[in-house]
Amino acid sequence: MPPTTLAEPAADAGLADPEELGSDLLLIDGANARVVHSGDHDAMRRGRWAAARLIVIARTPSGPAVCTPGTMVPEDDENTEH
């Protein structure tokens, strides 16, 4: 049975504060709605990038995460500096 919230896979992955992360990841729903409503297909790319940053932060044991070489983030953001 698939998860009913994004908090469930976050908890299964052992990420910090899965309930809060799952709530924050609702930005994916917002990005999808923007694509459907206005045809802004770039919204999904921006949403995926934001979600990746939230997951990196949730994986960091203490303090804010820093995007470093080798960090797994979406590769289609041409404005990303690592």
PDB file of N, CA and C in Angstrom:
ATOM      1  N   MET A   1       0.846  -1.179   0.000  1.00  0.00           N
ATOM      2  CA  MET A   1       0.000   0.000   0.000  1.00  0.00           C
ATOM      3  C   MET A   1       0.891   1.242   0.000  1.00  0.00           C
ATOM      4  N   PRO A   2       0.651   2.190  -0.918  1.00  0.00           N
ATOM      5  CA  PRO A   2       1.497   3.388  -0.981  1.00  0.00           C
ATOM      6  C   PRO A   2       1.292   4.284   0.237  1.00  0.00           C
ATOM      7  N   PRO A   3       2.321   5.091   0.559  1.00  0.00           N
ATOM      8  CA  PRO A   3       2.181   5.997   1.709  1.00  0.00           C
ATOM      9  C   PRO A   3       1.074   7.012   1.464  1.00  0.00           C
ATOM     10  N   THR A   4       0.437   7.438   2.538  1.00  0.00           N
ATOM     11  CA  THR A   4      -0.652   8.412   2.415  1.00  0.00           C
ATOM     12  C   THR A   4      -0.170   9.841   2.606  1.00  0.00           C
ATOM     13  N   THR A   5       1.026   9.997   3.169  1.00  0.00           N
ATOM     14  CA  THR A   5       1.613  11.333   3.306  1.00  0.00           C
ATOM     15  C   THR A   5       3.086  11.244   2.966  1.00  0.00           C
ATOM     16  N   LEU A   6       3.692  12.380   2.705  1.00  0.00           N
ATOM     17  CA  LEU A   6       5.123  12.406   2.423  1.00  0.00           C
ATOM     18  C   LEU A   6       5.948  12.211   3.693  1.00  0.00           C
ATOM     19  N   ALA A   7       5.317  12.288   4.855  1.00  0.00           N
ATOM     20  CA  ALA A   7       6.024  12.058   6.113  1.00  0.00           C
ATOM     21  C   ALA A   7       6.397  10.584   6.257  1.00  0.00           C
ATOM     22  N   GLU A   8       5.593   9.691   5.720  1.00  0.00           N
ATOM     23  CA  GLU A   8       5.869   8.263   5.858  1.00  0.00           C
ATOM     24  C   GLU A   8       7.184   7.854   5.192  1.00  0.00           C
ATOM     25  N   PRO A   9       7.433   8.214   3.918  1.00  0.00           N
ATOM     26  CA  PRO A   9       8.723   7.844   3.340  1.00  0.00           C
ATOM     27  C   PRO A   9       9.888   8.564   4.021  1.00  0.00           C
ATOM     28  N   ALA A  10       9.660   9.781   4.520  1.00  0.00           N
ATOM     29  CA  ALA A  10      10.716  10.505   5.247  1.00  0.00           C
ATOM     30  C   ALA A  10      11.070   9.752   6.525  1.00  0.00           C
ATOM     31  N   ALA A  11      10.078   9.251   7.226  1.00  0.00           N
ATOM     32  CA  ALA A  11      10.327   8.468   8.446  1.00  0.00           C
ATOM     33  C   ALA A  11      11.029   7.157   8.104  1.00  0.00           C
ATOM     34  N   ASP A  12      10.577   6.496   7.042  1.00  0.00           N
ATOM     35  CA  ASP A  12      11.202   5.242   6.625  1.00  0.00           C
ATOM     36  C   ASP A  12      12.669   5.435   6.268  1.00  0.00           C
ATOM     37  N   ALA A  13      13.019   6.612   5.748  1.00  0.00           N
ATOM     38  CA  ALA A  13      14.401   6.909   5.367  1.00  0.00           C
ATOM     39  C   ALA A  13      15.229   7.375   6.552  1.00  0.00           C
ATOM     40  N   GLY A  14      14.582   7.535   7.716  1.00  0.00           N
ATOM     41  CA  GLY A  14      15.301   7.956   8.906  1.00  0.00           C
ATOM     42  C   GLY A  14      15.655   9.431   8.926  1.00  0.00           C
ATOM     43  N   LEU A  15      14.922  10.238   8.164  1.00  0.00           N
ATOM     44  CA  LEU A  15      15.215  11.665   8.105  1.00  0.00           C
ATOM     45  C   LEU A  15      14.717  12.376   9.363  1.00  0.00           C
ATOM     46  N   ALA A  16      15.390  13.459   9.709  1.00  0.00           N
ATOM     47  CA  ALA A  16      15.038  14.241  10.890  1.00  0.00           C
ATOM     48  C   ALA A  16      13.648  14.851  10.725  1.00  0.00           C
ATOM     49  N   ASP A  17      12.857  14.803  11.783  1.00  0.00           N
ATOM     50  CA  ASP A  17      11.531  15.408  11.864  1.00  0.00           C
ATOM     51  C   ASP A  17      10.667  15.124  10.626  1.00  0.00           C
ATOM     52  N   PRO A  18      10.337  13.856  10.396  1.00  0.00           N
ATOM     53  CA  PRO A  18       9.610  13.480   9.184  1.00  0.00           C
ATOM     54  C   PRO A  18       8.250  14.152   9.031  1.00  0.00           C
ATOM     55  N   GLU A  19       7.556  14.441  10.138  1.00  0.00           N
ATOM     56  CA  GLU A  19       6.254  15.094  10.015  1.00  0.00           C
ATOM     57  C   GLU A  19       6.408  16.501   9.444  1.00  0.00           C
ATOM     58  N   GLU A  20       7.376  17.253   9.954  1.00  0.00           N
ATOM     59  CA  GLU A  20       7.602  18.609   9.445  1.00  0.00           C
ATOM     60  C   GLU A  20       8.094  18.569   8.006  1.00  0.00           C
ATOM     61  N   LEU A  21       9.022  17.655   7.720  1.00  0.00           N
ATOM     62  CA  LEU A  21       9.531  17.526   6.359  1.00  0.00           C
ATOM     63  C   LEU A  21       8.406  17.157   5.401  1.00  0.00           C
ATOM     64  N   GLY A  22       7.566  16.209   5.805  1.00  0.00           N
ATOM     65  CA  GLY A  22       6.441  15.818   4.959  1.00  0.00           C
ATOM     66  C   GLY A  22       5.531  16.986   4.668  1.00  0.00           C
ATOM     67  N   SER A  23       5.302  17.831   5.656  1.00  0.00           N
ATOM     68  CA  SER A  23       4.484  19.029   5.455  1.00  0.00           C
ATOM     69  C   SER A  23       5.180  20.002   4.508  1.00  0.00           C
ATOM     70  N   ASP A  24       6.482  20.202   4.708  1.00  0.00           N
ATOM     71  CA  ASP A  24       7.232  21.112   3.843  1.00  0.00           C
ATOM     72  C   ASP A  24       7.236  20.631   2.394  1.00  0.00           C
ATOM     73  N   LEU A  25       7.244  19.320   2.211  1.00  0.00           N
ATOM     74  CA  LEU A  25       7.295  18.771   0.855  1.00  0.00           C
ATOM     75  C   LEU A  25       5.970  18.915   0.105  1.00  0.00           C
ATOM     76  N   LEU A  26       4.963  19.464   0.763  1.00  0.00           N
ATOM     77  CA  LEU A  26       3.719  19.763   0.048  1.00  0.00           C
ATOM     78  C   LEU A  26       3.951  20.782  -1.063  1.00  0.00           C
ATOM     79  N   LEU A  27       5.120  21.407  -1.073  1.00  0.00           N
ATOM     80  CA  LEU A  27       5.445  22.331  -2.147  1.00  0.00           C
ATOM     81  C   LEU A  27       5.369  21.621  -3.497  1.00  0.00           C
ATOM     82  N   ILE A  28       5.540  20.298  -3.502  1.00  0.00           N
ATOM     83  CA  ILE A  28       5.412  19.531  -4.741  1.00  0.00           C
ATOM     84  C   ILE A  28       3.991  19.642  -5.274  1.00  0.00           C
ATOM     85  N   ASP A  29       2.995  19.573  -4.382  1.00  0.00           N
ATOM     86  CA  ASP A  29       1.603  19.741  -4.800  1.00  0.00           C
ATOM     87  C   ASP A  29       1.387  21.134  -5.380  1.00  0.00           C
ATOM     88  N   GLY A  30       1.979  22.134  -4.751  1.00  0.00           N
ATOM     89  CA  GLY A  30       1.852  23.507  -5.242  1.00  0.00           C
ATOM     90  C   GLY A  30       2.484  23.680  -6.605  1.00  0.00           C
ATOM     91  N   ALA A  31       3.636  23.073  -6.797  1.00  0.00           N
ATOM     92  CA  ALA A  31       4.302  23.165  -8.099  1.00  0.00           C
ATOM     93  C   ALA A  31       3.455  22.483  -9.169  1.00  0.00           C
ATOM     94  N   ASN A  32       2.905  21.320  -8.845  1.00  0.00           N
ATOM     95  CA  ASN A  32       2.050  20.617  -9.800  1.00  0.00           C
ATOM     96  C   ASN A  32       0.815  21.435 -10.134  1.00  0.00           C
ATOM     97  N   ALA A  33       0.213  22.051  -9.124  1.00  0.00           N
ATOM     98  CA  ALA A  33      -0.973  22.883  -9.368  1.00  0.00           C
ATOM     99  C   ALA A  33      -0.630  24.052 -10.274  1.00  0.00           C
ATOM    100  N   ARG A  34       0.552  24.605 -10.097  1.00  0.00           N
ATOM    101  CA  ARG A  34       0.964  25.736 -10.936  1.00  0.00           C
ATOM    102  C   ARG A  34       1.134  25.296 -12.389  1.00  0.00           C
ATOM    103  N   VAL A  35       1.670  24.107 -12.595  1.00  0.00           N
ATOM    104  CA  VAL A  35       1.810  23.576 -13.953  1.00  0.00           C
ATOM    105  C   VAL A  35       0.433  23.424 -14.584  1.00  0.00           C
ATOM    106  N   VAL A  36      -0.488  22.815 -13.845  1.00  0.00           N
ATOM    107  CA  VAL A  36      -1.834  22.566 -14.370  1.00  0.00           C
ATOM    108  C   VAL A  36      -2.588  23.874 -14.613  1.00  0.00           C
ATOM    109  N   HIS A  37      -2.499  24.782 -13.665  1.00  0.00           N
ATOM    110  CA  HIS A  37      -3.284  26.024 -13.732  1.00  0.00           C
ATOM    111  C   HIS A  37      -2.729  27.002 -14.770  1.00  0.00           C
ATOM    112  N   SER A  38      -1.413  27.222 -14.763  1.00  0.00           N
ATOM    113  CA  SER A  38      -0.866  28.276 -15.620  1.00  0.00           C
ATOM    114  C   SER A  38       0.089  27.774 -16.691  1.00  0.00           C
ATOM    115  N   GLY A  39       0.349  26.473 -16.694  1.00  0.00           N
ATOM    116  CA  GLY A  39       1.267  25.931 -17.691  1.00  0.00           C
ATOM    117  C   GLY A  39       2.727  26.244 -17.402  1.00  0.00           C
ATOM    118  N   ASP A  40       3.033  26.676 -16.190  1.00  0.00           N
ATOM    119  CA  ASP A  40       4.400  27.013 -15.801  1.00  0.00           C
ATOM    120  C   ASP A  40       5.173  25.730 -15.498  1.00  0.00           C
ATOM    121  N   HIS A  41       5.728  25.115 -16.537  1.00  0.00           N
ATOM    122  CA  HIS A  41       6.440  23.845 -16.356  1.00  0.00           C
ATOM    123  C   HIS A  41       7.743  24.023 -15.597  1.00  0.00           C
ATOM    124  N   ASP A  42       8.247  25.223 -15.526  1.00  0.00           N
ATOM    125  CA  ASP A  42       9.454  25.488 -14.748  1.00  0.00           C
ATOM    126  C   ASP A  42       9.176  25.361 -13.253  1.00  0.00           C
ATOM    127  N   ALA A  43       7.926  25.482 -12.843  1.00  0.00           N
ATOM    128  CA  ALA A  43       7.563  25.374 -11.426  1.00  0.00           C
ATOM    129  C   ALA A  43       7.930  24.010 -10.864  1.00  0.00           C
ATOM    130  N   MET A  44       7.778  22.961 -11.642  1.00  0.00           N
ATOM    131  CA  MET A  44       8.104  21.622 -11.154  1.00  0.00           C
ATOM    132  C   MET A  44       9.609  21.485 -10.950  1.00  0.00           C
ATOM    133  N   ARG A  45      10.407  22.054 -11.831  1.00  0.00           N
ATOM    134  CA  ARG A  45      11.862  22.023 -11.666  1.00  0.00           C
ATOM    135  C   ARG A  45      12.260  22.774 -10.402  1.00  0.00           C
ATOM    136  N   ARG A  46      11.675  23.944 -10.190  1.00  0.00           N
ATOM    137  CA  ARG A  46      11.980  24.719  -8.981  1.00  0.00           C
ATOM    138  C   ARG A  46      11.504  23.980  -7.736  1.00  0.00           C
ATOM    139  N   GLY A  47      10.349  23.347  -7.802  1.00  0.00           N
ATOM    140  CA  GLY A  47       9.837  22.577  -6.673  1.00  0.00           C
ATOM    141  C   GLY A  47      10.720  21.386  -6.354  1.00  0.00           C
ATOM    142  N   ARG A  48      11.199  20.713  -7.379  1.00  0.00           N
ATOM    143  CA  ARG A  48      12.080  19.560  -7.172  1.00  0.00           C
ATOM    144  C   ARG A  48      13.390  20.016  -6.528  1.00  0.00           C
ATOM    145  N   TRP A  49      13.926  21.152  -6.984  1.00  0.00           N
ATOM    146  CA  TRP A  49      15.167  21.681  -6.412  1.00  0.00           C
ATOM    147  C   TRP A  49      14.953  22.045  -4.937  1.00  0.00           C
ATOM    148  N   ALA A  50      13.851  22.698  -4.625  1.00  0.00           N
ATOM    149  CA  ALA A  50      13.560  23.068  -3.234  1.00  0.00           C
ATOM    150  C   ALA A  50      13.388  21.819  -2.370  1.00  0.00           C
ATOM    151  N   ALA A  51      12.705  20.810  -2.897  1.00  0.00           N
ATOM    152  CA  ALA A  51      12.517  19.565  -2.150  1.00  0.00           C
ATOM    153  C   ALA A  51      13.861  18.895  -1.881  1.00  0.00           C
ATOM    154  N   ALA A  52      14.748  18.895  -2.867  1.00  0.00           N
ATOM    155  CA  ALA A  52      16.070  18.295  -2.681  1.00  0.00           C
ATOM    156  C   ALA A  52      16.842  19.009  -1.585  1.00  0.00           C
ATOM    157  N   ARG A  53      16.747  20.327  -1.533  1.00  0.00           N
ATOM    158  CA  ARG A  53      17.435  21.080  -0.473  1.00  0.00           C
ATOM    159  C   ARG A  53      16.858  20.731   0.891  1.00  0.00           C
ATOM    160  N   LEU A  54      15.538  20.601   0.993  1.00  0.00           N
ATOM    161  CA  LEU A  54      14.922  20.238   2.268  1.00  0.00           C
ATOM    162  C   LEU A  54      15.385  18.854   2.725  1.00  0.00           C
ATOM    163  N   ILE A  55      15.509  17.928   1.801  1.00  0.00           N
ATOM    164  CA  ILE A  55      15.941  16.585   2.146  1.00  0.00           C
ATOM    165  C   ILE A  55      17.406  16.593   2.586  1.00  0.00           C
ATOM    166  N   VAL A  56      18.251  17.377   1.911  1.00  0.00           N
ATOM    167  CA  VAL A  56      19.657  17.488   2.323  1.00  0.00           C
ATOM    168  C   VAL A  56      19.732  18.028   3.744  1.00  0.00           C
ATOM    169  N   ILE A  57      18.928  19.039   4.044  1.00  0.00           N
ATOM    170  CA  ILE A  57      18.914  19.613   5.391  1.00  0.00           C
ATOM    171  C   ILE A  57      18.459  18.568   6.408  1.00  0.00           C
ATOM    172  N   ALA A  58      17.438  17.786   6.059  1.00  0.00           N
ATOM    173  CA  ALA A  58      16.920  16.764   6.976  1.00  0.00           C
ATOM    174  C   ALA A  58      17.944  15.661   7.219  1.00  0.00           C
ATOM    175  N   ARG A  59      18.852  15.448   6.274  1.00  0.00           N
ATOM    176  CA  ARG A  59      19.886  14.416   6.429  1.00  0.00           C
ATOM    177  C   ARG A  59      21.062  14.901   7.260  1.00  0.00           C
ATOM    178  N   THR A  60      21.207  16.210   7.409  1.00  0.00           N
ATOM    179  CA  THR A  60      22.352  16.781   8.110  1.00  0.00           C
ATOM    180  C   THR A  60      22.136  16.650   9.611  1.00  0.00           C
ATOM    181  N   PRO A  61      23.042  15.980  10.319  1.00  0.00           N
ATOM    182  CA  PRO A  61      22.840  15.728  11.746  1.00  0.00           C
ATOM    183  C   PRO A  61      22.778  16.991  12.599  1.00  0.00           C
ATOM    184  N   SER A  62      23.525  18.034  12.255  1.00  0.00           N
ATOM    185  CA  SER A  62      23.463  19.257  13.046  1.00  0.00           C
ATOM    186  C   SER A  62      23.777  20.449  12.170  1.00  0.00           C
ATOM    187  N   GLY A  63      23.009  21.492  12.358  1.00  0.00           N
ATOM    188  CA  GLY A  63      23.227  22.714  11.607  1.00  0.00           C
ATOM    189  C   GLY A  63      22.688  22.635  10.196  1.00  0.00           C
ATOM    190  N   PRO A  64      22.689  23.765   9.510  1.00  0.00           N
ATOM    191  CA  PRO A  64      22.162  23.795   8.155  1.00  0.00           C
ATOM    192  C   PRO A  64      23.079  23.067   7.182  1.00  0.00           C
ATOM    193  N   ALA A  65      22.485  22.498   6.178  1.00  0.00           N
ATOM    194  CA  ALA A  65      23.249  21.799   5.158  1.00  0.00           C
ATOM    195  C   ALA A  65      23.874  22.801   4.203  1.00  0.00           C
ATOM    196  N   VAL A  66      24.995  22.411   3.661  1.00  0.00           N
ATOM    197  CA  VAL A  66      25.673  23.229   2.662  1.00  0.00           C
ATOM    198  C   VAL A  66      25.756  22.391   1.404  1.00  0.00           C
ATOM    199  N   CYS A  67      25.419  22.981   0.287  1.00  0.00           N
ATOM    200  CA  CYS A  67      25.503  22.271  -0.985  1.00  0.00           C
ATOM    201  C   CYS A  67      26.981  22.159  -1.348  1.00  0.00           C
ATOM    202  N   THR A  68      27.500  20.955  -1.342  1.00  0.00           N
ATOM    203  CA  THR A  68      28.908  20.716  -1.631  1.00  0.00           C
ATOM    204  C   THR A  68      29.024  19.800  -2.830  1.00  0.00           C
ATOM    205  N   PRO A  69      30.193  19.746  -3.445  1.00  0.00           N
ATOM    206  CA  PRO A  69      30.359  18.819  -4.572  1.00  0.00           C
ATOM    207  C   PRO A  69      29.977  17.409  -4.166  1.00  0.00           C
ATOM    208  N   GLY A  70      29.242  16.743  -5.023  1.00  0.00           N
ATOM    209  CA  GLY A  70      28.803  15.387  -4.748  1.00  0.00           C
ATOM    210  C   GLY A  70      27.449  15.303  -4.072  1.00  0.00           C
ATOM    211  N   THR A  71      26.878  16.439  -3.654  1.00  0.00           N
ATOM    212  CA  THR A  71      25.552  16.432  -3.047  1.00  0.00           C
ATOM    213  C   THR A  71      24.538  16.056  -4.114  1.00  0.00           C
ATOM    214  N   MET A  72      23.641  15.143  -3.780  1.00  0.00           N
ATOM    215  CA  MET A  72      22.637  14.705  -4.738  1.00  0.00           C
ATOM    216  C   MET A  72      21.500  15.716  -4.800  1.00  0.00           C
ATOM    217  N   VAL A  73      21.473  16.461  -5.881  1.00  0.00           N
ATOM    218  CA  VAL A  73      20.411  17.421  -6.132  1.00  0.00           C
ATOM    219  C   VAL A  73      20.029  17.297  -7.600  1.00  0.00           C
ATOM    220  N   PRO A  74      18.847  17.778  -7.985  1.00  0.00           N
ATOM    221  CA  PRO A  74      18.469  17.704  -9.401  1.00  0.00           C
ATOM    222  C   PRO A  74      19.511  18.394 -10.266  1.00  0.00           C
ATOM    223  N   GLU A  75      19.860  17.778 -11.379  1.00  0.00           N
ATOM    224  CA  GLU A  75      20.915  18.300 -12.238  1.00  0.00           C
ATOM    225  C   GLU A  75      20.419  19.264 -13.298  1.00  0.00           C
ATOM    226  N   ASP A  76      19.130  19.507 -13.395  1.00  0.00           N
ATOM    227  CA  ASP A  76      18.641  20.332 -14.482  1.00  0.00           C
ATOM    228  C   ASP A  76      18.507  21.800 -14.116  1.00  0.00           C
ATOM    229  N   ASP A  77      19.077  22.223 -13.019  1.00  0.00           N
ATOM    230  CA  ASP A  77      19.015  23.627 -12.620  1.00  0.00           C
ATOM    231  C   ASP A  77      20.320  24.294 -13.043  1.00  0.00           C
ATOM    232  N   GLU A  78      20.266  24.982 -14.180  1.00  0.00           N
ATOM    233  CA  GLU A  78      21.471  25.576 -14.719  1.00  0.00           C
ATOM    234  C   GLU A  78      22.018  26.710 -13.863  1.00  0.00           C
ATOM    235  N   ASN A  79      21.243  27.217 -12.914  1.00  0.00           N
ATOM    236  CA  ASN A  79      21.688  28.300 -12.047  1.00  0.00           C
ATOM    237  C   ASN A  79      22.291  27.797 -10.734  1.00  0.00           C
ATOM    238  N   THR A  80      22.452  26.498 -10.602  1.00  0.00           N
ATOM    239  CA  THR A  80      22.949  25.909  -9.366  1.00  0.00           C
ATOM    240  C   THR A  80      24.463  25.950  -9.338  1.00  0.00           C
ATOM    241  N   GLU A  81      25.011  26.425  -8.237  1.00  0.00           N
ATOM    242  CA  GLU A  81      26.448  26.371  -8.035  1.00  0.00           C
ATOM    243  C   GLU A  81      26.730  25.414  -6.903  1.00  0.00           C
ATOM    244  N   HIS A  82      27.678  24.545  -7.096  1.00  0.00           N
ATOM    245  CA  HIS A  82      28.055  23.578  -6.059  1.00  0.00           C
ATOM    246  C   HIS A  82      29.447  23.871  -5.573  1.00  0.00           C
TER     247      HIS A  82
END
